[in-house]
Amino acid sequence: MKKTIQIFGMLMIAMTIMVSCKKDKDPATTDFFIGTYKGDVSYNKDNNKIVSSDGKITVSKVGETYNFYFGSNIPDITGVKFEKKSDNSYVSIGSGLTGIAIDASSLKMLVIKDGATWTADCKR
């Protein structure tokens, strides 16, 4: 019986992840979202410049908080809040983390914080 419950639990978790990762799912319409955006990304701080034309950003949302996980040794940006703009697009708010726009198909970013600059122009 324990084995059956464990298998059922893992199946439910896998189904939740699969549904939350659907490419046309808009992060604004759900409290739980995980999606990957790909495109041009860059990071610059103290003469340490990282540029990638095939960069990847994994976005997670739990409740109202977004986290942006970069590849290519670029530091992550976490704890970002958004407010709704026109046409179901969202723009970041809060101190030091403005300059991020996200919707179901694109992610654009220009964040300057603590002497570092992150940029992104990505699609899903």
N, C-alpha and C. Protein backbone atom coordinates (compact mmCIF):
# COMPACT_ATOMS: atom_id res chain seq x y z
N MET A 1 0.82 -1.19 0.00
CA MET A 1 0.00 0.00 0.00
C MET A 1 0.86 1.25 0.00
N LYS A 2 1.93 1.26 0.82
CA LYS A 2 2.83 2.41 0.87
C LYS A 2 3.44 2.69 -0.50
N LYS A 3 3.82 1.63 -1.18
CA LYS A 3 4.44 1.75 -2.50
C LYS A 3 3.47 2.39 -3.49
N THR A 4 2.22 1.99 -3.43
CA THR A 4 1.19 2.54 -4.32
C THR A 4 0.99 4.03 -4.07
N ILE A 5 0.95 4.42 -2.82
CA ILE A 5 0.78 5.83 -2.46
C ILE A 5 1.99 6.64 -2.93
N GLN A 6 3.19 6.12 -2.78
CA GLN A 6 4.39 6.82 -3.24
C GLN A 6 4.36 7.01 -4.75
N ILE A 7 4.02 5.97 -5.48
CA ILE A 7 3.96 6.06 -6.95
C ILE A 7 2.89 7.07 -7.36
N PHE A 8 1.73 7.02 -6.74
CA PHE A 8 0.67 7.97 -7.03
C PHE A 8 1.11 9.40 -6.74
N GLY A 9 1.79 9.62 -5.63
CA GLY A 9 2.30 10.94 -5.27
C GLY A 9 3.29 11.47 -6.28
N MET A 10 4.23 10.62 -6.72
CA MET A 10 5.21 11.04 -7.72
C MET A 10 4.54 11.35 -9.06
N LEU A 11 3.53 10.57 -9.41
CA LEU A 11 2.78 10.82 -10.64
C LEU A 11 2.07 12.17 -10.58
N MET A 12 1.48 12.48 -9.45
CA MET A 12 0.80 13.78 -9.29
C MET A 12 1.78 14.94 -9.39
N ILE A 13 2.95 14.81 -8.79
CA ILE A 13 3.97 15.85 -8.87
C ILE A 13 4.42 16.03 -10.32
N ALA A 14 4.67 14.94 -11.02
CA ALA A 14 5.10 15.01 -12.42
C ALA A 14 4.03 15.67 -13.28
N MET A 15 2.77 15.35 -13.06
CA MET A 15 1.68 15.95 -13.84
C MET A 15 1.58 17.45 -13.56
N THR A 16 1.75 17.85 -12.30
CA THR A 16 1.72 19.27 -11.96
C THR A 16 2.82 20.03 -12.67
N ILE A 17 4.01 19.48 -12.68
CA ILE A 17 5.14 20.13 -13.34
C ILE A 17 4.90 20.21 -14.84
N MET A 18 4.40 19.15 -15.44
CA MET A 18 4.15 19.15 -16.88
C MET A 18 3.11 20.19 -17.25
N VAL A 19 2.06 20.33 -16.48
CA VAL A 19 1.02 21.31 -16.77
C VAL A 19 1.55 22.72 -16.55
N SER A 20 2.35 22.93 -15.52
CA SER A 20 2.85 24.27 -15.22
C SER A 20 3.91 24.72 -16.21
N CYS A 21 4.52 23.82 -16.96
CA CYS A 21 5.58 24.16 -17.90
C CYS A 21 5.07 24.33 -19.32
N LYS A 22 3.79 24.27 -19.55
CA LYS A 22 3.22 24.39 -20.87
C LYS A 22 3.63 25.72 -21.50
N LYS A 23 4.07 25.71 -22.75
CA LYS A 23 4.66 26.89 -23.38
C LYS A 23 3.70 28.06 -23.54
N ASP A 24 2.42 27.82 -23.71
CA ASP A 24 1.49 28.93 -23.89
C ASP A 24 0.89 29.41 -22.58
N LYS A 25 1.33 28.84 -21.47
CA LYS A 25 0.81 29.24 -20.16
C LYS A 25 1.41 30.60 -19.78
N ASP A 26 0.55 31.51 -19.39
CA ASP A 26 0.97 32.84 -18.99
C ASP A 26 1.31 32.83 -17.50
N PRO A 27 2.51 33.27 -17.12
CA PRO A 27 2.87 33.24 -15.70
C PRO A 27 1.95 34.09 -14.82
N ALA A 28 1.30 35.08 -15.42
CA ALA A 28 0.44 35.96 -14.65
C ALA A 28 -0.87 35.31 -14.24
N THR A 29 -1.27 34.24 -14.92
CA THR A 29 -2.58 33.66 -14.68
C THR A 29 -2.58 32.53 -13.65
N THR A 30 -1.45 32.28 -13.02
CA THR A 30 -1.37 31.17 -12.07
C THR A 30 -0.49 31.53 -10.89
N ASP A 31 -0.69 30.85 -9.77
CA ASP A 31 0.15 31.08 -8.60
C ASP A 31 1.43 30.25 -8.63
N PHE A 32 1.47 29.23 -9.49
CA PHE A 32 2.66 28.39 -9.60
C PHE A 32 3.03 28.29 -11.07
N PHE A 33 4.26 28.68 -11.40
CA PHE A 33 4.70 28.69 -12.80
C PHE A 33 6.18 28.37 -12.86
N ILE A 34 6.56 27.54 -13.82
CA ILE A 34 7.96 27.31 -14.15
C ILE A 34 8.05 27.30 -15.67
N GLY A 35 8.92 28.13 -16.21
CA GLY A 35 9.08 28.20 -17.66
C GLY A 35 10.49 28.60 -18.03
N THR A 36 10.89 28.25 -19.24
CA THR A 36 12.24 28.57 -19.71
C THR A 36 12.14 29.50 -20.92
N TYR A 37 12.86 30.59 -20.85
CA TYR A 37 12.94 31.56 -21.93
C TYR A 37 14.36 31.48 -22.49
N LYS A 38 14.48 31.55 -23.83
CA LYS A 38 15.79 31.45 -24.47
C LYS A 38 16.01 32.63 -25.40
N GLY A 39 17.28 33.09 -25.45
CA GLY A 39 17.62 34.21 -26.32
C GLY A 39 18.90 34.87 -25.89
N ASP A 40 18.99 36.18 -26.12
CA ASP A 40 20.19 36.95 -25.80
C ASP A 40 20.18 37.35 -24.33
N VAL A 41 21.24 37.02 -23.60
CA VAL A 41 21.38 37.42 -22.20
C VAL A 41 22.79 37.95 -21.98
N SER A 42 22.92 38.87 -21.03
CA SER A 42 24.25 39.37 -20.69
C SER A 42 24.28 39.81 -19.23
N TYR A 43 25.48 39.87 -18.71
CA TYR A 43 25.73 40.29 -17.33
C TYR A 43 27.06 41.02 -17.31
N ASN A 44 27.13 42.12 -16.56
CA ASN A 44 28.37 42.90 -16.49
C ASN A 44 28.52 43.47 -15.08
N LYS A 45 29.66 43.19 -14.47
CA LYS A 45 30.00 43.77 -13.17
C LYS A 45 31.52 43.73 -13.01
N ASP A 46 32.09 44.87 -12.68
CA ASP A 46 33.52 44.98 -12.39
C ASP A 46 34.39 44.31 -13.46
N ASN A 47 34.21 44.69 -14.70
CA ASN A 47 34.97 44.14 -15.83
C ASN A 47 34.75 42.65 -16.03
N ASN A 48 33.78 42.06 -15.39
CA ASN A 48 33.40 40.66 -15.61
C ASN A 48 32.16 40.69 -16.50
N LYS A 49 32.36 40.48 -17.80
CA LYS A 49 31.26 40.56 -18.75
C LYS A 49 30.98 39.17 -19.32
N ILE A 50 29.71 38.76 -19.22
CA ILE A 50 29.27 37.48 -19.77
C ILE A 50 28.16 37.78 -20.78
N VAL A 51 28.35 37.32 -22.02
CA VAL A 51 27.37 37.54 -23.08
C VAL A 51 27.06 36.19 -23.73
N SER A 52 25.78 35.92 -23.96
CA SER A 52 25.40 34.67 -24.61
C SER A 52 24.22 34.93 -25.54
N SER A 53 24.38 34.56 -26.81
CA SER A 53 23.28 34.72 -27.77
C SER A 53 22.32 33.53 -27.71
N ASP A 54 22.71 32.46 -27.06
CA ASP A 54 21.81 31.32 -26.87
C ASP A 54 21.62 31.04 -25.38
N GLY A 55 21.40 32.11 -24.63
CA GLY A 55 21.24 32.00 -23.19
C GLY A 55 19.89 31.43 -22.81
N LYS A 56 19.80 31.04 -21.56
CA LYS A 56 18.59 30.42 -21.03
C LYS A 56 18.29 31.00 -19.65
N ILE A 57 17.03 31.36 -19.44
CA ILE A 57 16.58 31.85 -18.13
C ILE A 57 15.39 30.99 -17.72
N THR A 58 15.50 30.36 -16.57
CA THR A 58 14.38 29.60 -16.04
C THR A 58 13.66 30.50 -15.04
N VAL A 59 12.38 30.69 -15.27
CA VAL A 59 11.57 31.58 -14.44
C VAL A 59 10.66 30.71 -13.58
N SER A 60 10.64 31.01 -12.29
CA SER A 60 9.70 30.33 -11.40
C SER A 60 8.88 31.39 -10.69
N LYS A 61 7.63 31.05 -10.47
CA LYS A 61 6.73 31.95 -9.74
C LYS A 61 5.99 31.13 -8.71
N VAL A 62 6.02 31.58 -7.47
CA VAL A 62 5.23 30.99 -6.41
C VAL A 62 4.51 32.14 -5.73
N GLY A 63 3.18 32.10 -5.80
CA GLY A 63 2.40 33.22 -5.27
C GLY A 63 2.61 34.45 -6.12
N GLU A 64 3.12 35.52 -5.52
CA GLU A 64 3.36 36.76 -6.24
C GLU A 64 4.84 37.02 -6.49
N THR A 65 5.70 36.09 -6.13
CA THR A 65 7.14 36.30 -6.21
C THR A 65 7.75 35.50 -7.36
N TYR A 66 8.53 36.19 -8.20
CA TYR A 66 9.21 35.58 -9.33
C TYR A 66 10.70 35.43 -9.03
N ASN A 67 11.30 34.38 -9.56
CA ASN A 67 12.75 34.17 -9.48
C ASN A 67 13.25 33.87 -10.88
N PHE A 68 14.42 34.42 -11.21
CA PHE A 68 15.02 34.26 -12.53
C PHE A 68 16.37 33.57 -12.36
N TYR A 69 16.47 32.36 -12.90
CA TYR A 69 17.69 31.55 -12.78
C TYR A 69 18.38 31.50 -14.13
N PHE A 70 19.57 32.07 -14.19
CA PHE A 70 20.33 32.16 -15.43
C PHE A 70 21.30 30.99 -15.54
N GLY A 71 21.65 30.66 -16.77
CA GLY A 71 22.76 29.73 -17.01
C GLY A 71 24.01 30.57 -17.21
N SER A 72 25.05 30.01 -17.73
CA SER A 72 26.28 30.73 -18.13
C SER A 72 26.97 31.47 -17.00
N ASN A 73 26.85 30.98 -15.77
CA ASN A 73 27.51 31.59 -14.61
C ASN A 73 27.05 33.01 -14.31
N ILE A 74 25.84 33.36 -14.74
CA ILE A 74 25.27 34.67 -14.44
C ILE A 74 24.50 34.55 -13.12
N PRO A 75 24.73 35.48 -12.19
CA PRO A 75 24.01 35.42 -10.91
C PRO A 75 22.49 35.50 -11.10
N ASP A 76 21.76 34.81 -10.27
CA ASP A 76 20.30 34.78 -10.34
C ASP A 76 19.71 36.06 -9.76
N ILE A 77 18.48 36.35 -10.16
CA ILE A 77 17.70 37.46 -9.60
C ILE A 77 16.47 36.83 -8.96
N THR A 78 16.28 37.08 -7.67
CA THR A 78 15.18 36.44 -6.95
C THR A 78 14.35 37.46 -6.20
N GLY A 79 13.14 37.05 -5.86
CA GLY A 79 12.26 37.87 -5.03
C GLY A 79 11.68 39.07 -5.73
N VAL A 80 11.33 38.94 -7.01
CA VAL A 80 10.83 40.07 -7.80
C VAL A 80 9.30 40.08 -7.78
N LYS A 81 8.72 41.24 -7.59
CA LYS A 81 7.27 41.43 -7.64
C LYS A 81 6.93 42.19 -8.92
N PHE A 82 5.70 41.97 -9.44
CA PHE A 82 5.27 42.58 -10.70
C PHE A 82 3.91 43.25 -10.53
N GLU A 83 3.63 44.19 -11.45
CA GLU A 83 2.30 44.75 -11.55
C GLU A 83 1.85 44.65 -13.01
N LYS A 84 0.54 44.52 -13.19
CA LYS A 84 -0.02 44.31 -14.53
C LYS A 84 -0.04 45.60 -15.33
N LYS A 85 0.37 45.49 -16.59
CA LYS A 85 0.26 46.57 -17.56
C LYS A 85 -0.75 46.14 -18.61
N SER A 86 -0.82 46.83 -19.72
CA SER A 86 -1.79 46.49 -20.75
C SER A 86 -1.49 45.16 -21.42
N ASP A 87 -2.50 44.56 -22.05
CA ASP A 87 -2.38 43.33 -22.84
C ASP A 87 -1.76 42.17 -22.07
N ASN A 88 -2.07 42.05 -20.79
CA ASN A 88 -1.61 40.95 -19.95
C ASN A 88 -0.10 40.82 -19.86
N SER A 89 0.60 41.92 -20.00
CA SER A 89 2.04 41.92 -19.74
C SER A 89 2.27 42.48 -18.35
N TYR A 90 3.38 42.08 -17.74
CA TYR A 90 3.68 42.49 -16.38
C TYR A 90 5.05 43.13 -16.32
N VAL A 91 5.20 44.18 -15.49
CA VAL A 91 6.44 44.91 -15.34
C VAL A 91 6.85 44.86 -13.87
N SER A 92 8.15 44.63 -13.63
CA SER A 92 8.64 44.49 -12.26
C SER A 92 8.52 45.79 -11.50
N ILE A 93 8.32 45.66 -10.19
CA ILE A 93 8.25 46.81 -9.30
C ILE A 93 9.16 46.53 -8.10
N GLY A 94 9.46 47.55 -7.35
CA GLY A 94 10.27 47.37 -6.15
C GLY A 94 11.63 48.02 -6.31
N SER A 95 12.32 48.19 -5.22
CA SER A 95 13.59 48.90 -5.27
C SER A 95 14.68 48.03 -5.88
N GLY A 96 15.34 48.56 -6.90
CA GLY A 96 16.49 47.92 -7.49
C GLY A 96 16.21 46.82 -8.48
N LEU A 97 14.96 46.43 -8.64
CA LEU A 97 14.67 45.33 -9.56
C LEU A 97 13.69 45.73 -10.64
N THR A 98 13.61 47.01 -10.96
CA THR A 98 12.74 47.43 -12.05
C THR A 98 13.45 47.17 -13.37
N GLY A 99 12.68 47.09 -14.44
CA GLY A 99 13.25 46.89 -15.76
C GLY A 99 13.06 45.49 -16.30
N ILE A 100 12.11 44.73 -15.76
CA ILE A 100 11.81 43.38 -16.25
C ILE A 100 10.36 43.37 -16.73
N ALA A 101 10.15 42.91 -17.97
CA ALA A 101 8.80 42.75 -18.51
C ALA A 101 8.65 41.30 -18.96
N ILE A 102 7.52 40.69 -18.59
CA ILE A 102 7.32 39.27 -18.89
C ILE A 102 5.86 39.04 -19.30
N ASP A 103 5.68 38.12 -20.24
CA ASP A 103 4.36 37.60 -20.56
C ASP A 103 4.52 36.14 -20.99
N ALA A 104 3.49 35.56 -21.57
CA ALA A 104 3.53 34.14 -21.91
C ALA A 104 4.60 33.79 -22.93
N SER A 105 4.96 34.73 -23.80
CA SER A 105 5.89 34.39 -24.89
C SER A 105 7.23 35.13 -24.86
N SER A 106 7.37 36.17 -24.05
CA SER A 106 8.65 36.90 -24.07
C SER A 106 9.06 37.41 -22.69
N LEU A 107 10.36 37.62 -22.57
CA LEU A 107 10.98 38.16 -21.36
C LEU A 107 12.01 39.19 -21.80
N LYS A 108 11.84 40.42 -21.35
CA LYS A 108 12.79 41.49 -21.64
C LYS A 108 13.27 42.05 -20.31
N MET A 109 14.58 42.29 -20.24
CA MET A 109 15.15 42.68 -18.96
C MET A 109 16.29 43.68 -19.15
N LEU A 110 16.29 44.73 -18.34
CA LEU A 110 17.42 45.62 -18.16
C LEU A 110 17.41 46.01 -16.69
N VAL A 111 18.19 45.30 -15.90
CA VAL A 111 18.24 45.52 -14.45
C VAL A 111 19.63 46.00 -14.08
N ILE A 112 19.68 47.10 -13.34
CA ILE A 112 20.95 47.62 -12.82
C ILE A 112 20.82 47.67 -11.30
N LYS A 113 21.66 46.87 -10.63
CA LYS A 113 21.59 46.79 -9.17
C LYS A 113 22.97 46.49 -8.60
N ASP A 114 23.36 47.24 -7.58
CA ASP A 114 24.63 47.04 -6.88
C ASP A 114 25.83 47.00 -7.83
N GLY A 115 25.82 47.88 -8.83
CA GLY A 115 26.93 47.97 -9.77
C GLY A 115 26.96 46.89 -10.84
N ALA A 116 25.93 46.06 -10.89
CA ALA A 116 25.84 44.99 -11.89
C ALA A 116 24.69 45.29 -12.85
N THR A 117 24.83 44.80 -14.08
CA THR A 117 23.80 44.99 -15.10
C THR A 117 23.45 43.65 -15.73
N TRP A 118 22.16 43.33 -15.73
CA TRP A 118 21.63 42.14 -16.40
C TRP A 118 20.78 42.61 -17.58
N THR A 119 20.91 41.98 -18.73
CA THR A 119 20.02 42.24 -19.86
C THR A 119 19.54 40.91 -20.42
N ALA A 120 18.34 40.95 -21.00
CA ALA A 120 17.79 39.75 -21.65
C ALA A 120 16.76 40.17 -22.68
N ASP A 121 16.76 39.45 -23.76
CA ASP A 121 15.73 39.56 -24.80
C ASP A 121 15.45 38.13 -25.23
N CYS A 122 14.46 37.51 -24.60
CA CYS A 122 14.22 36.07 -24.75
C CYS A 122 12.79 35.77 -25.14
N LYS A 123 12.62 34.59 -25.73
CA LYS A 123 11.31 34.09 -26.15
C LYS A 123 11.11 32.69 -25.58
N ARG A 124 9.84 32.27 -25.54
CA ARG A 124 9.47 30.93 -25.11
C ARG A 124 9.01 30.12 -26.28
